[in-house]
N, C-alpha and C. Protein backbone atom coordinates (compact mmCIF):
# COMPACT_ATOMS: atom_id res chain seq x y z
N MET A 1 -13.09 2.19 18.77
CA MET A 1 -12.84 0.83 18.34
C MET A 1 -13.26 0.63 16.88
N LYS A 2 -14.30 1.33 16.47
CA LYS A 2 -14.81 1.22 15.11
C LYS A 2 -13.73 1.54 14.09
N TYR A 3 -13.01 2.64 14.29
CA TYR A 3 -12.00 3.07 13.31
C TYR A 3 -10.78 2.16 13.35
N PHE A 4 -10.46 1.66 14.52
CA PHE A 4 -9.35 0.71 14.63
C PHE A 4 -9.67 -0.56 13.84
N ASN A 5 -10.91 -1.06 14.01
CA ASN A 5 -11.33 -2.26 13.27
C ASN A 5 -11.31 -2.01 11.77
N GLN A 6 -11.75 -0.83 11.34
CA GLN A 6 -11.70 -0.49 9.92
C GLN A 6 -10.26 -0.49 9.42
N PHE A 7 -9.38 0.10 10.21
CA PHE A 7 -7.96 0.17 9.83
C PHE A 7 -7.38 -1.24 9.66
N ILE A 8 -7.62 -2.10 10.63
CA ILE A 8 -7.08 -3.47 10.58
C ILE A 8 -7.65 -4.23 9.39
N LEU A 9 -8.97 -4.16 9.20
CA LEU A 9 -9.61 -4.84 8.08
C LEU A 9 -9.06 -4.33 6.75
N GLY A 10 -8.97 -3.01 6.61
CA GLY A 10 -8.44 -2.43 5.38
C GLY A 10 -6.99 -2.80 5.14
N GLY A 11 -6.21 -2.80 6.20
CA GLY A 11 -4.80 -3.16 6.07
C GLY A 11 -4.63 -4.59 5.58
N PHE A 12 -5.37 -5.52 6.20
CA PHE A 12 -5.29 -6.91 5.78
C PHE A 12 -5.79 -7.10 4.36
N ALA A 13 -6.90 -6.44 4.02
CA ALA A 13 -7.47 -6.58 2.67
C ALA A 13 -6.50 -6.07 1.61
N TYR A 14 -5.91 -4.91 1.86
CA TYR A 14 -4.97 -4.30 0.91
C TYR A 14 -3.76 -5.20 0.72
N ALA A 15 -3.20 -5.69 1.83
CA ALA A 15 -2.03 -6.56 1.75
C ALA A 15 -2.38 -7.86 1.04
N LEU A 16 -3.55 -8.42 1.32
CA LEU A 16 -3.98 -9.65 0.67
C LEU A 16 -4.15 -9.45 -0.84
N LEU A 17 -4.77 -8.34 -1.23
CA LEU A 17 -4.90 -8.04 -2.66
C LEU A 17 -3.54 -7.99 -3.33
N GLU A 18 -2.61 -7.35 -2.67
CA GLU A 18 -1.28 -7.24 -3.26
C GLU A 18 -0.58 -8.59 -3.35
N ILE A 19 -0.74 -9.42 -2.33
CA ILE A 19 -0.14 -10.75 -2.37
C ILE A 19 -0.76 -11.57 -3.49
N LEU A 20 -2.07 -11.49 -3.65
CA LEU A 20 -2.74 -12.23 -4.71
C LEU A 20 -2.31 -11.73 -6.10
N TYR A 21 -2.09 -10.42 -6.22
CA TYR A 21 -1.76 -9.83 -7.52
C TYR A 21 -0.27 -9.95 -7.85
N ARG A 22 0.60 -9.62 -6.87
CA ARG A 22 2.05 -9.59 -7.13
C ARG A 22 2.82 -10.75 -6.53
N GLY A 23 2.20 -11.43 -5.56
CA GLY A 23 2.89 -12.53 -4.90
C GLY A 23 3.60 -12.13 -3.62
N TYR A 24 3.62 -10.86 -3.29
CA TYR A 24 4.27 -10.37 -2.08
C TYR A 24 3.72 -9.00 -1.73
N THR A 25 4.03 -8.54 -0.53
CA THR A 25 3.63 -7.20 -0.10
C THR A 25 4.71 -6.64 0.81
N HIS A 26 4.47 -5.48 1.34
CA HIS A 26 5.38 -4.79 2.24
C HIS A 26 4.55 -4.23 3.38
N PHE A 27 5.10 -4.17 4.59
CA PHE A 27 4.31 -3.71 5.74
C PHE A 27 3.72 -2.32 5.53
N SER A 28 4.36 -1.50 4.74
CA SER A 28 3.85 -0.15 4.48
C SER A 28 2.50 -0.21 3.76
N MET A 29 2.25 -1.28 3.02
CA MET A 29 0.98 -1.42 2.32
C MET A 29 -0.15 -1.76 3.28
N PHE A 30 0.17 -2.41 4.38
CA PHE A 30 -0.83 -2.65 5.42
C PHE A 30 -1.29 -1.32 6.00
N ILE A 31 -0.35 -0.44 6.29
CA ILE A 31 -0.67 0.88 6.84
C ILE A 31 -1.46 1.70 5.82
N ALA A 32 -0.98 1.71 4.59
CA ALA A 32 -1.68 2.45 3.54
C ALA A 32 -3.09 1.91 3.35
N GLY A 33 -3.25 0.60 3.36
CA GLY A 33 -4.56 -0.01 3.18
C GLY A 33 -5.52 0.34 4.29
N GLY A 34 -5.03 0.39 5.50
CA GLY A 34 -5.88 0.77 6.63
C GLY A 34 -6.39 2.19 6.49
N ILE A 35 -5.51 3.07 6.09
CA ILE A 35 -5.90 4.47 5.89
C ILE A 35 -6.89 4.58 4.74
N CYS A 36 -6.59 3.92 3.64
CA CYS A 36 -7.46 3.98 2.46
C CYS A 36 -8.86 3.46 2.77
N PHE A 37 -8.95 2.35 3.48
CA PHE A 37 -10.25 1.77 3.80
C PHE A 37 -11.09 2.75 4.60
N GLY A 38 -10.48 3.38 5.60
CA GLY A 38 -11.20 4.36 6.41
C GLY A 38 -11.71 5.53 5.59
N VAL A 39 -10.87 6.02 4.69
CA VAL A 39 -11.27 7.14 3.84
C VAL A 39 -12.40 6.74 2.90
N ILE A 40 -12.31 5.54 2.33
CA ILE A 40 -13.36 5.07 1.43
C ILE A 40 -14.69 4.93 2.17
N ILE A 41 -14.65 4.44 3.39
CA ILE A 41 -15.88 4.31 4.18
C ILE A 41 -16.45 5.70 4.48
N LEU A 42 -15.61 6.65 4.81
CA LEU A 42 -16.09 8.02 5.04
C LEU A 42 -16.71 8.59 3.77
N LEU A 43 -16.08 8.36 2.64
CA LEU A 43 -16.63 8.84 1.36
C LEU A 43 -17.98 8.19 1.06
N SER A 44 -18.12 6.93 1.42
CA SER A 44 -19.37 6.21 1.14
C SER A 44 -20.55 6.82 1.89
N GLN A 45 -20.27 7.53 2.96
CA GLN A 45 -21.32 8.10 3.80
C GLN A 45 -21.67 9.53 3.42
N THR A 46 -21.09 10.03 2.36
CA THR A 46 -21.40 11.38 1.90
C THR A 46 -22.61 11.34 0.97
N GLY A 47 -23.12 12.48 0.65
CA GLY A 47 -24.26 12.58 -0.24
C GLY A 47 -23.90 12.66 -1.72
N MET A 48 -22.65 12.44 -2.04
CA MET A 48 -22.22 12.51 -3.44
C MET A 48 -22.85 11.39 -4.26
N PRO A 49 -23.00 11.59 -5.56
CA PRO A 49 -23.43 10.50 -6.43
C PRO A 49 -22.41 9.36 -6.37
N PHE A 50 -22.90 8.13 -6.54
CA PHE A 50 -22.05 6.95 -6.38
C PHE A 50 -20.80 6.99 -7.26
N LEU A 51 -20.95 7.35 -8.51
CA LEU A 51 -19.80 7.37 -9.42
C LEU A 51 -18.74 8.36 -8.94
N LEU A 52 -19.18 9.49 -8.45
CA LEU A 52 -18.25 10.48 -7.91
C LEU A 52 -17.55 9.94 -6.66
N LYS A 53 -18.28 9.20 -5.83
CA LYS A 53 -17.66 8.57 -4.65
C LYS A 53 -16.57 7.60 -5.07
N CYS A 54 -16.83 6.85 -6.13
CA CYS A 54 -15.85 5.89 -6.63
C CYS A 54 -14.57 6.59 -7.11
N VAL A 55 -14.75 7.64 -7.88
CA VAL A 55 -13.59 8.39 -8.38
C VAL A 55 -12.85 9.05 -7.22
N ALA A 56 -13.59 9.60 -6.27
CA ALA A 56 -12.95 10.20 -5.09
C ALA A 56 -12.19 9.14 -4.29
N GLY A 57 -12.75 7.94 -4.20
CA GLY A 57 -12.06 6.85 -3.52
C GLY A 57 -10.76 6.48 -4.24
N GLY A 58 -10.82 6.40 -5.56
CA GLY A 58 -9.62 6.11 -6.33
C GLY A 58 -8.56 7.18 -6.17
N LEU A 59 -8.99 8.43 -6.18
CA LEU A 59 -8.05 9.54 -5.97
C LEU A 59 -7.46 9.51 -4.57
N ALA A 60 -8.28 9.17 -3.58
CA ALA A 60 -7.79 9.09 -2.20
C ALA A 60 -6.75 7.99 -2.06
N VAL A 61 -7.02 6.83 -2.65
CA VAL A 61 -6.06 5.73 -2.60
C VAL A 61 -4.76 6.15 -3.28
N CYS A 62 -4.86 6.80 -4.41
CA CYS A 62 -3.65 7.25 -5.11
C CYS A 62 -2.89 8.29 -4.29
N ALA A 63 -3.60 9.15 -3.60
CA ALA A 63 -2.94 10.15 -2.74
C ALA A 63 -2.17 9.46 -1.61
N VAL A 64 -2.80 8.46 -1.00
CA VAL A 64 -2.13 7.72 0.07
C VAL A 64 -0.95 6.95 -0.50
N GLU A 65 -1.13 6.30 -1.63
CA GLU A 65 -0.03 5.57 -2.26
C GLU A 65 1.11 6.50 -2.66
N PHE A 66 0.77 7.69 -3.14
CA PHE A 66 1.82 8.63 -3.51
C PHE A 66 2.62 9.05 -2.27
N ALA A 67 1.92 9.38 -1.20
CA ALA A 67 2.61 9.78 0.04
C ALA A 67 3.46 8.63 0.56
N ALA A 68 2.89 7.42 0.58
CA ALA A 68 3.65 6.25 1.04
C ALA A 68 4.85 6.00 0.14
N GLY A 69 4.65 6.12 -1.16
CA GLY A 69 5.73 5.91 -2.11
C GLY A 69 6.85 6.92 -1.95
N MET A 70 6.50 8.16 -1.68
CA MET A 70 7.53 9.18 -1.49
C MET A 70 8.38 8.86 -0.26
N VAL A 71 7.76 8.32 0.78
CA VAL A 71 8.52 7.94 1.97
C VAL A 71 9.28 6.64 1.75
N VAL A 72 8.56 5.59 1.37
CA VAL A 72 9.13 4.25 1.28
C VAL A 72 10.09 4.10 0.10
N ASN A 73 9.69 4.58 -1.06
CA ASN A 73 10.49 4.35 -2.27
C ASN A 73 11.53 5.44 -2.52
N VAL A 74 11.14 6.69 -2.29
CA VAL A 74 12.06 7.79 -2.62
C VAL A 74 12.96 8.13 -1.43
N TRP A 75 12.36 8.41 -0.29
CA TRP A 75 13.15 8.84 0.86
C TRP A 75 13.96 7.69 1.47
N LEU A 76 13.29 6.55 1.73
CA LEU A 76 13.99 5.41 2.34
C LEU A 76 14.67 4.51 1.30
N LYS A 77 14.37 4.72 0.03
CA LYS A 77 14.98 3.99 -1.08
C LYS A 77 14.78 2.46 -0.96
N LEU A 78 13.58 2.03 -0.55
CA LEU A 78 13.29 0.61 -0.41
C LEU A 78 12.80 -0.01 -1.72
N ASN A 79 12.42 0.83 -2.67
CA ASN A 79 11.99 0.36 -4.00
C ASN A 79 10.95 -0.76 -3.94
N VAL A 80 9.88 -0.51 -3.19
CA VAL A 80 8.81 -1.50 -3.04
C VAL A 80 8.00 -1.61 -4.32
N TRP A 81 7.76 -0.49 -5.00
CA TRP A 81 7.07 -0.52 -6.30
C TRP A 81 7.58 0.61 -7.17
N ASP A 82 7.37 0.44 -8.46
CA ASP A 82 7.82 1.42 -9.44
C ASP A 82 6.89 1.34 -10.65
N TYR A 83 6.14 2.40 -10.88
CA TYR A 83 5.18 2.43 -11.98
C TYR A 83 5.71 3.22 -13.18
N THR A 84 7.02 3.42 -13.27
CA THR A 84 7.55 4.20 -14.39
C THR A 84 7.33 3.52 -15.73
N HIS A 85 7.13 2.21 -15.73
CA HIS A 85 6.90 1.49 -16.99
C HIS A 85 5.45 1.59 -17.45
N TYR A 86 4.58 2.19 -16.62
CA TYR A 86 3.19 2.44 -17.03
C TYR A 86 3.08 3.88 -17.52
N GLY A 87 2.21 4.09 -18.47
CA GLY A 87 1.98 5.45 -18.95
C GLY A 87 1.25 6.29 -17.91
N TYR A 88 1.38 7.57 -18.05
CA TYR A 88 0.67 8.53 -17.20
C TYR A 88 0.92 8.27 -15.72
N HIS A 89 2.16 8.21 -15.34
CA HIS A 89 2.52 8.02 -13.94
C HIS A 89 3.04 9.34 -13.37
N ILE A 90 3.06 9.43 -12.06
CA ILE A 90 3.64 10.58 -11.36
C ILE A 90 4.80 10.06 -10.53
N MET A 91 5.98 10.38 -10.98
CA MET A 91 7.23 10.00 -10.31
C MET A 91 7.34 8.50 -10.05
N GLY A 92 6.62 7.70 -10.83
CA GLY A 92 6.66 6.25 -10.67
C GLY A 92 5.91 5.73 -9.45
N GLN A 93 5.24 6.61 -8.72
CA GLN A 93 4.57 6.21 -7.48
C GLN A 93 3.09 5.88 -7.68
N VAL A 94 2.44 6.55 -8.58
CA VAL A 94 1.04 6.31 -8.92
C VAL A 94 0.90 6.44 -10.43
N CYS A 95 -0.17 5.83 -10.96
CA CYS A 95 -0.39 5.93 -12.40
C CYS A 95 -1.88 5.84 -12.70
N LEU A 96 -2.23 6.25 -13.90
CA LEU A 96 -3.63 6.27 -14.33
C LEU A 96 -4.25 4.89 -14.28
N ARG A 97 -3.51 3.88 -14.68
CA ARG A 97 -4.03 2.49 -14.68
C ARG A 97 -4.57 2.12 -13.31
N TYR A 98 -3.79 2.38 -12.27
CA TYR A 98 -4.21 2.01 -10.92
C TYR A 98 -5.24 2.97 -10.35
N LEU A 99 -5.27 4.20 -10.80
CA LEU A 99 -6.36 5.11 -10.40
C LEU A 99 -7.69 4.53 -10.84
N ILE A 100 -7.74 4.02 -12.05
CA ILE A 100 -8.98 3.43 -12.58
C ILE A 100 -9.34 2.17 -11.79
N ILE A 101 -8.35 1.33 -11.54
CA ILE A 101 -8.60 0.10 -10.78
C ILE A 101 -9.07 0.43 -9.36
N TRP A 102 -8.38 1.36 -8.70
CA TRP A 102 -8.76 1.72 -7.32
C TRP A 102 -10.12 2.38 -7.27
N SER A 103 -10.50 3.09 -8.31
CA SER A 103 -11.84 3.69 -8.34
C SER A 103 -12.91 2.60 -8.36
N GLY A 104 -12.70 1.59 -9.18
CA GLY A 104 -13.64 0.47 -9.23
C GLY A 104 -13.67 -0.31 -7.93
N LEU A 105 -12.51 -0.58 -7.36
CA LEU A 105 -12.46 -1.31 -6.09
C LEU A 105 -13.07 -0.50 -4.95
N SER A 106 -12.92 0.81 -5.01
CA SER A 106 -13.55 1.67 -4.00
C SER A 106 -15.06 1.50 -4.03
N GLY A 107 -15.62 1.45 -5.23
CA GLY A 107 -17.05 1.24 -5.36
C GLY A 107 -17.47 -0.11 -4.80
N LEU A 108 -16.69 -1.14 -5.06
CA LEU A 108 -17.01 -2.45 -4.51
C LEU A 108 -16.97 -2.46 -2.99
N VAL A 109 -15.98 -1.78 -2.42
CA VAL A 109 -15.89 -1.68 -0.96
C VAL A 109 -17.11 -0.95 -0.41
N MET A 110 -17.50 0.14 -1.06
CA MET A 110 -18.66 0.90 -0.60
C MET A 110 -19.94 0.07 -0.64
N LEU A 111 -20.08 -0.74 -1.67
CA LEU A 111 -21.27 -1.59 -1.79
C LEU A 111 -21.24 -2.75 -0.79
N ALA A 112 -20.07 -3.30 -0.54
CA ALA A 112 -19.95 -4.47 0.33
C ALA A 112 -19.92 -4.12 1.81
N TYR A 113 -19.54 -2.91 2.14
CA TYR A 113 -19.33 -2.54 3.54
C TYR A 113 -20.54 -2.81 4.44
N PRO A 114 -21.76 -2.41 4.06
CA PRO A 114 -22.90 -2.67 4.95
C PRO A 114 -23.11 -4.17 5.21
N PHE A 115 -22.91 -5.00 4.21
CA PHE A 115 -23.07 -6.44 4.36
C PHE A 115 -21.93 -7.03 5.20
N LEU A 116 -20.75 -6.48 5.02
CA LEU A 116 -19.58 -6.94 5.75
C LEU A 116 -19.74 -6.68 7.24
N THR A 117 -20.23 -5.51 7.60
CA THR A 117 -20.40 -5.20 9.03
C THR A 117 -21.42 -6.12 9.68
N LYS A 118 -22.48 -6.45 8.96
CA LYS A 118 -23.49 -7.37 9.50
C LYS A 118 -22.93 -8.79 9.61
N ALA A 119 -22.19 -9.20 8.60
CA ALA A 119 -21.64 -10.56 8.59
C ALA A 119 -20.62 -10.74 9.71
N LEU A 120 -19.82 -9.75 9.96
CA LEU A 120 -18.79 -9.86 10.98
C LEU A 120 -19.30 -9.51 12.37
N ARG A 121 -20.46 -8.88 12.42
CA ARG A 121 -21.07 -8.46 13.69
C ARG A 121 -20.15 -7.61 14.54
N TYR A 122 -19.36 -6.80 13.87
CA TYR A 122 -18.48 -5.86 14.53
C TYR A 122 -18.90 -4.46 14.17
N SER A 123 -18.45 -3.53 14.94
CA SER A 123 -18.71 -2.12 14.62
C SER A 123 -17.57 -1.60 13.77
N ILE A 124 -17.56 -2.02 12.50
CA ILE A 124 -16.50 -1.56 11.60
C ILE A 124 -17.04 -0.62 10.58
C-alpha cells in the first residue's frame, strides 16, 4: 500500500505542477509523476550526499520523461510536449533546462517527504 500511495501522490503532484505551469496536462504525466516520485523517495533513502541525490533525482525524472515522450510523442504521435525550442535537448523530449529544474524539485521532495508522511498520517 505504501508504494501505491506514493504513486498516487506523485502522479497528482506532477499533474498539478504541470497544470499550474502550462495550464493543462495529459494522463501520461500522472503515470510518469507516480513513477518519478517513487524513484525520488528511494534515492532519498540512500547514503549519497544530498546534492548527488538531487542530481540523480533530476536524471531519473528526465529518464522517465524521455521514455514517456518516446511512447506518447514519438510512437503515438500525440505531441503532448516538445522541447526542441530549448537548447541542449534530446530529440525534443528532455532538455538541460528541465534537468536543472527537476534536480531542484527532487531535493525539495526529499526534504518535504518526512513531514508530508507525518502530516498525512499515511504510510507513503
